[in-house]
Amino acid sequence: MLKLPPLSLYIHIPWCVQKCPYCDFNSHVLKGELPHQEYVDHLLADLDADRPLAGDRKISTIFIGGGTPSLLSPKALQALLSGVCSRICVVDNAEVSIEANPVTMESDRFSSYQYAGVNRISIGIQSFNTDKLICLGRLYNEQEAKYSANLVSKLNLRSFNFDVMHGLPKQSLEEALSDLRQAIALDPPHLSWYQLTIEPYTLFGSLSPVLPNDDTLWDIFECGHQLLLDAGYQQYEISAYAKLNHQCQHNLNYWRFGDYIGIGCGAHGKLTFRNGCILRTTKTKHPYGFMQGKYRDKQYDVEFADRPFEFFMNRFRLLEAVPRIDFISYTGLKEDVIRQQLDTALIKGYLNETSECWQITQKGRLFLNTLLELFILN
C-alpha cells in the first residue's frame, strides 16, 4: 500500500504574444482575442473529468503557468479560481501562484489577481539588459522590467519570485553579475536563477547563438552563487534560491515526488493510489483540440522498474536530504531493489548515506545525469 503524498493543482494557460527563440514549453502565439471565459469553462470541465481521481484529497498548492498566464483577464481568473474551489477542497491559506510577463504588468490587473486569491507572483524578467532582452525575443526593455519588479514588490503578497537567466548569448561575467545584482537590489523573497539551455525544437536550436564558453559559465555560477548567499538567499534546488520560509511550496511538492492534477493544454499530472498504482496523465497540447473537449491525450501507469529513476530524478533536484522511508512509502519498492545502484553511488562519492537518509554530494550535483542513470533499471 502506497502513502499518498500532498496534492497540488497545475493550470496551463497556453498563449503568448510572441514565441521566445529559446522556449520549448507548450506555448502558442495568440492570434486575435484570447477566449477568456471559454477557456476557463474548458479548464473547469477538464478538472471535472479528473476530479474523481483525487477522491477526498485536498489541494495544497495551485500554480498557474504558461505560456503567459497574465494575459488572462482578472474576471476570467476570478471565475477560474472560484470554479476550482467549488469543485475540489483547497486547504486554508494555500499557496496560489501565477506566472507573469513584464509586458502584461498593470497595477490594477495584479491587484485584481490578488483579490481573486493569488498570493504569489513569479515574474519572468530574464535580464535587465535591453540588448539581451531583444536577443531573447522579450517584448520589453530594461526600464519596463524594473517597473514590473517594483510593482509586484508593493502588493503585500505572501511571496514573489523573479526569473533571471545567465549564460546568455555573448554574455560576459560582469553582465551576468550585473543582472543578478539588480535583481537582488529589488529584494525578492525568491529568485530562480538558471542557465540558458539550447533546446532542439526551438529557434535557437536551429540557429544556435554564440554562448559563453565553459570557463565563463563556471565563473558566472560561482560568483553569482556567492552573491546570492551573501545577500541572505539559500539555494534549495538546482536553480532556486529563497530567503527563510519563502521556498516555492508548489515546486517543492514536485521535487518531493508529490502528486498533482494538471489541467489545460499539454498539462501533466501524477496521481498516487493506495492500491500501489501511480498514474501519469497528459492533456491535449493544442488549444484547438483541447477546446473541442478532447482534454486527456494520454495516461499510463508508472511501472515498478521506472519508479526509482522517476523518484530520484525529482528528489535529487533538491539539496535537502532524502528520507529513506520516502522511497519505500512513495514508490512501493524495497531498498534492496536499488541496493547495488546505491552502493555504486556511494563508492563514486555521489551520495552520503545514514540510517535515516541519503544526501547528494557536491560531486553528485556536478555529475547528476551520471548519478541518475544508475537508477534506470530497464
Protein backbone atom coordinates (compact mmCIF):
# COMPACT_ATOMS: atom_id res chain seq x y z
CA MET A 1 0.00 0.00 0.00
CA LEU A 2 1.39 3.39 -1.03
CA LYS A 3 1.39 6.51 1.12
CA LEU A 4 -0.46 9.39 -0.52
CA PRO A 5 1.79 12.47 -0.86
CA PRO A 6 0.46 16.06 -0.86
CA LEU A 7 -1.70 17.00 -3.85
CA SER A 8 -1.24 20.14 -5.96
CA LEU A 9 -3.06 21.62 -8.95
CA TYR A 10 -1.29 22.91 -12.08
CA ILE A 11 -3.25 25.04 -14.57
CA HIS A 12 -1.78 25.78 -18.00
CA ILE A 13 -2.56 28.93 -20.00
CA PRO A 14 -1.01 28.25 -23.43
CA TRP A 15 -0.94 31.62 -25.18
CA CYS A 16 1.90 34.14 -25.59
CA VAL A 17 2.09 37.39 -27.52
CA GLN A 18 5.29 36.10 -29.16
CA LYS A 19 7.22 32.82 -29.00
CA CYS A 20 10.68 33.30 -27.49
CA PRO A 21 13.52 31.70 -29.50
CA TYR A 22 14.73 29.59 -26.53
CA CYS A 23 11.33 28.39 -25.31
CA ASP A 24 10.34 24.72 -25.63
CA PHE A 25 7.28 24.97 -23.35
CA ASN A 26 3.82 24.32 -24.74
CA SER A 27 3.03 27.87 -25.82
CA HIS A 28 1.17 29.23 -28.83
CA VAL A 29 1.22 32.71 -30.35
CA LEU A 30 -2.06 34.46 -29.64
CA LYS A 31 -3.91 35.39 -32.81
CA GLY A 32 -6.79 37.72 -32.08
CA GLU A 33 -8.56 37.98 -28.76
CA LEU A 34 -7.85 35.47 -26.01
CA PRO A 35 -11.00 33.37 -25.39
CA HIS A 36 -11.00 34.16 -21.67
CA GLN A 37 -14.26 32.69 -20.39
CA GLU A 38 -14.47 29.92 -22.98
CA TYR A 39 -11.04 28.61 -21.99
CA VAL A 40 -11.88 28.87 -18.29
CA ASP A 41 -15.03 26.81 -18.92
CA HIS A 42 -12.91 24.12 -20.59
CA LEU A 43 -10.37 24.19 -17.76
CA LEU A 44 -13.13 23.56 -15.23
CA ALA A 45 -14.62 20.80 -17.38
CA ASP A 46 -11.13 19.25 -17.55
CA LEU A 47 -10.95 19.42 -13.74
CA ASP A 48 -14.40 17.81 -13.51
CA ALA A 49 -13.08 14.88 -15.56
CA ASP A 50 -10.02 14.43 -13.31
CA ARG A 51 -11.72 15.21 -10.01
CA PRO A 52 -12.79 11.60 -9.25
CA LEU A 53 -9.13 10.51 -9.39
CA ALA A 54 -8.38 12.63 -6.32
CA GLY A 55 -11.01 11.07 -4.07
CA ASP A 56 -11.43 13.18 -0.94
CA ARG A 57 -7.92 14.63 -1.05
CA LYS A 58 -7.33 18.37 -0.66
CA ILE A 59 -5.29 20.68 -2.89
CA SER A 60 -2.30 22.11 -1.03
CA THR A 61 -0.94 24.46 -3.74
CA ILE A 62 -2.10 25.92 -7.06
CA PHE A 63 0.22 27.09 -9.84
CA ILE A 64 -0.99 28.87 -12.98
CA GLY A 65 1.72 28.62 -15.62
CA GLY A 66 2.17 29.03 -19.34
CA GLY A 67 2.56 30.49 -21.89
CA THR A 68 1.77 33.87 -20.41
CA PRO A 69 -0.94 33.38 -17.76
CA SER A 70 -1.02 37.11 -17.01
CA LEU A 71 -2.78 37.59 -20.37
CA LEU A 72 -5.86 36.15 -18.62
CA SER A 73 -8.32 38.86 -17.57
CA PRO A 74 -8.95 39.39 -13.85
CA LYS A 75 -12.62 38.47 -14.38
CA ALA A 76 -11.63 35.17 -16.01
CA LEU A 77 -9.10 34.41 -13.28
CA GLN A 78 -11.73 35.09 -10.61
CA ALA A 79 -14.10 32.69 -12.36
CA LEU A 80 -11.33 30.10 -12.68
CA LEU A 81 -10.27 30.12 -9.02
CA SER A 82 -13.84 30.27 -7.79
CA GLY A 83 -14.72 27.34 -10.02
CA VAL A 84 -11.76 25.34 -8.74
CA CYS A 85 -12.70 25.93 -5.10
CA SER A 86 -16.31 24.91 -5.76
CA ARG A 87 -15.19 21.59 -7.23
CA ILE A 88 -12.35 20.44 -5.00
CA CYS A 89 -11.32 21.31 -1.47
CA VAL A 90 -8.35 23.67 -1.24
CA VAL A 91 -6.56 23.91 2.11
CA ASP A 92 -6.79 27.15 4.04
CA ASN A 93 -4.07 29.66 3.14
CA ALA A 94 -2.87 27.55 0.20
CA GLU A 95 -0.04 28.95 -1.90
CA VAL A 96 -1.60 30.20 -5.16
CA SER A 97 0.98 31.27 -7.76
CA ILE A 98 0.74 32.80 -11.22
CA GLU A 99 3.49 33.42 -13.76
CA ALA A 100 3.64 36.88 -15.29
CA ASN A 101 5.46 38.64 -18.11
CA PRO A 102 6.58 42.26 -17.57
CA VAL A 103 4.87 43.29 -20.80
CA THR A 104 1.46 42.47 -19.22
CA MET A 105 2.14 44.14 -15.86
CA GLU A 106 -0.53 46.63 -14.81
CA SER A 107 -1.20 47.72 -11.24
CA ASP A 108 -4.98 47.23 -11.41
CA ARG A 109 -4.68 43.83 -13.08
CA PHE A 110 -2.42 42.41 -10.41
CA SER A 111 -4.41 43.90 -7.56
CA SER A 112 -7.41 42.13 -9.08
CA TYR A 113 -5.46 38.87 -9.29
CA GLN A 114 -4.60 39.26 -5.63
CA TYR A 115 -8.26 39.88 -4.78
CA ALA A 116 -9.17 36.69 -6.69
CA GLY A 117 -6.88 34.65 -4.42
CA VAL A 118 -3.38 34.81 -5.94
CA ASN A 119 -0.79 35.27 -3.19
CA ARG A 120 2.43 34.58 -5.09
CA ILE A 121 3.57 36.02 -8.44
CA SER A 122 6.54 34.82 -10.50
CA ILE A 123 7.84 37.40 -12.99
CA GLY A 124 9.88 36.23 -15.98
CA ILE A 125 12.34 39.12 -16.05
CA GLN A 126 15.26 37.10 -17.54
CA SER A 127 17.56 40.15 -17.82
CA PHE A 128 17.79 43.87 -17.09
CA ASN A 129 19.93 44.42 -20.19
CA THR A 130 17.82 45.72 -23.08
CA ASP A 131 20.15 44.29 -25.74
CA LYS A 132 19.96 40.84 -24.15
CA LEU A 133 16.17 41.10 -23.87
CA ILE A 134 15.95 41.83 -27.60
CA CYS A 135 18.16 38.82 -28.32
CA LEU A 136 15.88 36.65 -26.17
CA GLY A 137 12.79 37.85 -28.04
CA ARG A 138 11.35 39.60 -24.99
CA LEU A 139 8.93 42.44 -25.72
CA TYR A 140 10.02 44.88 -23.01
CA ASN A 141 13.11 46.85 -22.09
CA GLU A 142 15.24 47.38 -19.00
CA GLN A 143 13.00 50.13 -17.60
CA GLU A 144 9.83 48.07 -18.03
CA ALA A 145 11.47 45.07 -16.36
CA LYS A 146 12.36 47.22 -13.34
CA TYR A 147 8.89 48.79 -13.29
CA SER A 148 7.22 45.37 -13.15
CA ALA A 149 9.59 44.21 -10.42
CA ASN A 150 8.89 47.27 -8.30
CA LEU A 151 5.16 46.93 -8.91
CA VAL A 152 4.88 43.41 -7.62
CA SER A 153 7.04 44.20 -4.58
CA LYS A 154 4.39 46.69 -3.40
CA LEU A 155 1.45 44.26 -3.49
CA ASN A 156 1.95 42.83 0.01
CA LEU A 157 1.87 39.27 -1.35
CA ARG A 158 2.85 36.20 0.62
CA SER A 159 5.85 35.91 -1.70
CA PHE A 160 7.07 36.72 -5.18
CA ASN A 161 9.77 35.43 -7.49
CA PHE A 162 11.97 36.81 -10.25
CA ASP A 163 13.21 34.55 -13.04
CA VAL A 164 16.71 35.64 -14.12
CA MET A 165 18.75 33.82 -16.75
CA HIS A 166 22.51 33.63 -17.20
CA GLY A 167 24.77 32.24 -19.89
CA LEU A 168 23.01 34.44 -22.43
CA PRO A 169 24.38 34.94 -25.96
CA LYS A 170 27.76 36.73 -25.82
CA GLN A 171 27.20 37.49 -22.14
CA SER A 172 30.25 38.43 -20.08
CA LEU A 173 30.79 37.61 -16.43
CA GLU A 174 30.16 41.22 -15.43
CA GLU A 175 26.95 41.44 -17.48
CA ALA A 176 25.59 38.31 -15.81
CA LEU A 177 26.50 39.54 -12.34
CA SER A 178 25.01 42.97 -13.10
CA ASP A 179 21.65 41.33 -13.86
CA LEU A 180 21.83 39.39 -10.63
CA ARG A 181 22.86 42.41 -8.54
CA GLN A 182 19.94 44.41 -9.93
CA ALA A 183 17.53 41.59 -9.11
CA ILE A 184 18.91 41.24 -5.56
CA ALA A 185 18.65 45.01 -5.04
CA LEU A 186 14.87 44.72 -5.55
CA ASP A 187 14.78 42.29 -2.60
CA PRO A 188 12.53 39.48 -3.89
CA PRO A 189 11.91 36.69 -1.34
CA HIS A 190 12.65 34.12 -4.06
CA LEU A 191 14.97 34.08 -7.09
CA SER A 192 15.04 31.49 -9.85
CA TRP A 193 18.48 31.89 -11.40
CA TYR A 194 19.17 29.47 -14.18
CA GLN A 195 21.38 28.98 -17.20
CA LEU A 196 20.06 29.33 -20.73
CA THR A 197 19.99 25.94 -22.40
CA ILE A 198 19.55 25.35 -26.12
CA GLU A 199 16.62 23.02 -26.74
CA PRO A 200 16.36 21.14 -30.04
CA TYR A 201 12.90 22.19 -31.24
CA THR A 202 13.34 25.94 -30.81
CA LEU A 203 14.62 28.77 -32.98
CA PHE A 204 17.87 28.81 -31.01
CA GLY A 205 18.06 25.05 -31.60
CA SER A 206 18.05 25.68 -35.34
CA LEU A 207 20.18 28.84 -35.32
CA SER A 208 22.31 28.47 -32.23
CA PRO A 209 23.66 31.79 -30.87
CA VAL A 210 27.21 32.28 -29.61
CA LEU A 211 27.16 31.39 -25.92
CA PRO A 212 29.80 31.98 -23.22
CA ASN A 213 32.45 29.26 -23.03
CA ASP A 214 32.50 26.70 -20.22
CA ASP A 215 35.07 28.61 -18.15
CA THR A 216 32.96 31.77 -18.24
CA LEU A 217 29.80 29.82 -17.39
CA TRP A 218 31.52 28.29 -14.36
CA ASP A 219 32.80 31.70 -13.22
CA ILE A 220 29.28 33.12 -13.59
CA PHE A 221 27.81 30.36 -11.46
CA GLU A 222 30.45 30.51 -8.74
CA CYS A 223 30.41 34.29 -8.40
CA GLY A 224 26.63 34.54 -8.72
CA HIS A 225 26.07 31.78 -6.17
CA GLN A 226 28.25 33.64 -3.67
CA LEU A 227 26.43 36.91 -4.37
CA LEU A 228 23.14 35.23 -3.53
CA LEU A 229 24.46 33.64 -0.34
CA ASP A 230 25.93 36.97 0.78
CA ALA A 231 22.53 38.61 0.19
CA GLY A 232 20.78 36.15 2.53
CA TYR A 233 19.44 33.66 -0.01
CA GLN A 234 19.80 29.92 0.41
CA GLN A 235 19.95 27.55 -2.52
CA TYR A 236 17.38 24.80 -2.01
CA GLU A 237 17.05 23.49 -5.56
CA ILE A 238 19.35 23.36 -8.60
CA SER A 239 18.27 26.79 -9.86
CA ALA A 240 16.18 28.19 -6.99
CA TYR A 241 17.22 30.45 -4.12
CA ALA A 242 14.98 31.73 -1.34
CA LYS A 243 15.02 33.68 1.85
CA LEU A 244 13.90 31.95 5.04
CA ASN A 245 10.45 30.31 4.68
CA HIS A 246 9.97 31.53 1.10
CA GLN A 247 10.65 28.36 -0.89
CA CYS A 248 8.07 27.70 -3.60
CA GLN A 249 5.82 25.11 -1.97
CA HIS A 250 4.32 24.01 -5.28
CA ASN A 251 7.72 23.20 -6.77
CA LEU A 252 8.84 21.52 -3.55
CA ASN A 253 5.89 19.17 -3.92
CA TYR A 254 7.00 18.29 -7.47
CA TRP A 255 10.58 17.57 -6.39
CA ARG A 256 9.50 15.55 -3.34
CA PHE A 257 7.63 13.19 -5.67
CA GLY A 258 4.29 14.66 -4.68
CA ASP A 259 1.05 14.37 -6.63
CA TYR A 260 -0.57 16.94 -8.88
CA ILE A 261 -3.58 17.28 -11.12
CA GLY A 262 -2.69 19.03 -14.38
CA ILE A 263 -5.43 20.81 -16.34
CA GLY A 264 -5.18 22.82 -19.54
CA CYS A 265 -3.34 22.43 -22.84
CA GLY A 266 -0.43 20.00 -22.54
CA ALA A 267 -0.58 19.87 -18.73
CA HIS A 268 0.90 16.84 -16.99
CA GLY A 269 -0.47 15.13 -13.90
CA LYS A 270 0.67 12.48 -11.42
CA LEU A 271 -1.65 10.69 -9.02
CA THR A 272 -0.86 8.01 -6.47
CA PHE A 273 -3.39 5.42 -5.30
CA ARG A 274 -3.24 3.35 -2.14
CA ASN A 275 -3.53 0.15 -4.16
CA GLY A 276 0.00 0.70 -5.50
CA CYS A 277 -0.80 2.41 -8.80
CA ILE A 278 0.90 5.64 -9.86
CA LEU A 279 -0.94 7.24 -12.79
CA ARG A 280 0.52 9.86 -15.11
CA THR A 281 -1.71 11.93 -17.39
CA THR A 282 -1.03 14.30 -20.30
CA LYS A 283 -3.57 16.71 -21.76
CA THR A 284 -4.09 17.65 -25.41
CA LYS A 285 -1.37 20.16 -26.34
CA HIS A 286 -3.02 22.37 -28.94
CA PRO A 287 -5.75 24.81 -27.89
CA TYR A 288 -7.86 23.90 -30.91
CA GLY A 289 -8.18 20.24 -29.91
CA PHE A 290 -8.42 20.99 -26.19
CA MET A 291 -11.25 23.45 -26.70
CA GLN A 292 -13.21 20.85 -28.61
CA GLY A 293 -13.44 18.94 -25.36
CA LYS A 294 -10.63 16.47 -26.10
CA TYR A 295 -8.90 17.00 -22.77
CA ARG A 296 -6.93 13.90 -21.90
CA ASP A 297 -4.43 12.87 -24.55
CA LYS A 298 -2.56 10.07 -22.75
CA GLN A 299 -2.44 8.24 -19.46
CA TYR A 300 -0.30 5.39 -18.21
CA ASP A 301 0.66 3.60 -15.03
CA VAL A 302 4.25 4.08 -13.91
CA GLU A 303 5.89 0.64 -13.97
CA PHE A 304 7.76 -0.51 -10.87
CA ALA A 305 11.02 -0.65 -12.87
CA ASP A 306 10.64 3.06 -13.76
CA ARG A 307 9.88 4.32 -10.27
CA PRO A 308 13.44 4.53 -8.87
CA PHE A 309 14.56 6.79 -11.73
CA GLU A 310 11.45 8.96 -11.52
CA PHE A 311 11.75 9.25 -7.73
CA PHE A 312 15.41 10.26 -7.72
CA MET A 313 15.14 12.43 -10.83
CA ASN A 314 12.85 14.63 -8.76
CA ARG A 315 14.38 14.29 -5.29
CA PHE A 316 17.94 14.99 -6.40
CA ARG A 317 16.96 18.39 -7.78
CA LEU A 318 16.71 19.44 -4.14
CA LEU A 319 19.70 19.99 -1.90
CA GLU A 320 17.88 18.67 1.15
CA ALA A 321 18.44 15.11 2.37
CA VAL A 322 16.13 12.39 1.04
CA PRO A 323 14.42 10.39 3.81
CA ARG A 324 14.95 6.72 3.02
CA ILE A 325 11.43 5.93 4.19
CA ASP A 326 10.03 8.18 1.43
CA PHE A 327 11.44 5.89 -1.25
CA ILE A 328 9.57 2.94 0.21
CA SER A 329 6.37 4.87 1.01
CA TYR A 330 6.02 6.66 -2.33
CA THR A 331 7.28 4.00 -4.78
CA GLY A 332 6.07 0.80 -3.10
CA LEU A 333 9.54 -0.72 -3.56
CA LYS A 334 12.02 -2.07 -1.06
CA GLU A 335 15.52 -0.67 -0.82
CA ASP A 336 17.12 -3.93 -1.91
CA VAL A 337 15.78 -3.25 -5.43
CA ILE A 338 18.28 -0.38 -5.71
CA ARG A 339 20.93 -1.50 -3.22
CA GLN A 340 23.51 -2.19 -5.91
CA GLN A 341 22.93 1.20 -7.52
CA LEU A 342 23.14 2.97 -4.17
CA ASP A 343 26.41 1.22 -3.34
CA THR A 344 27.87 2.33 -6.67
CA ALA A 345 26.79 5.93 -6.00
CA LEU A 346 28.35 5.77 -2.52
CA ILE A 347 31.64 4.39 -3.83
CA LYS A 348 31.82 7.09 -6.52
CA GLY A 349 31.17 9.80 -3.95
CA TYR A 350 27.85 10.93 -5.43
CA LEU A 351 25.89 10.26 -2.23
CA ASN A 352 26.28 10.06 1.53
CA GLU A 353 24.09 7.65 3.47
CA THR A 354 22.90 7.50 7.07
CA SER A 355 20.39 5.24 8.75
CA GLU A 356 17.75 7.91 8.06
CA CYS A 357 18.51 9.48 4.70
CA TRP A 358 20.57 9.92 1.55
CA GLN A 359 22.32 13.22 0.85
CA ILE A 360 23.55 14.15 -2.61
CA THR A 361 27.13 15.47 -2.51
CA GLN A 362 28.72 18.34 -4.40
CA LYS A 363 30.24 15.76 -6.74
CA GLY A 364 26.83 14.18 -7.18
CA ARG A 365 25.37 17.52 -8.23
CA LEU A 366 28.19 18.04 -10.75
CA PHE A 367 27.59 14.56 -12.21
CA LEU A 368 23.83 14.50 -11.71
CA ASN A 369 22.97 12.86 -15.04
CA THR A 370 25.51 10.10 -14.41
CA LEU A 371 24.08 9.57 -10.93
CA LEU A 372 20.50 9.38 -12.22
CA GLU A 373 21.44 6.92 -14.98
CA LEU A 374 22.34 4.41 -12.27
CA PHE A 375 18.65 4.14 -11.40
CA ILE A 376 17.42 3.31 -14.89
CA LEU A 377 16.59 -0.31 -14.21
CA ASN A 378 15.28 -1.32 -17.63
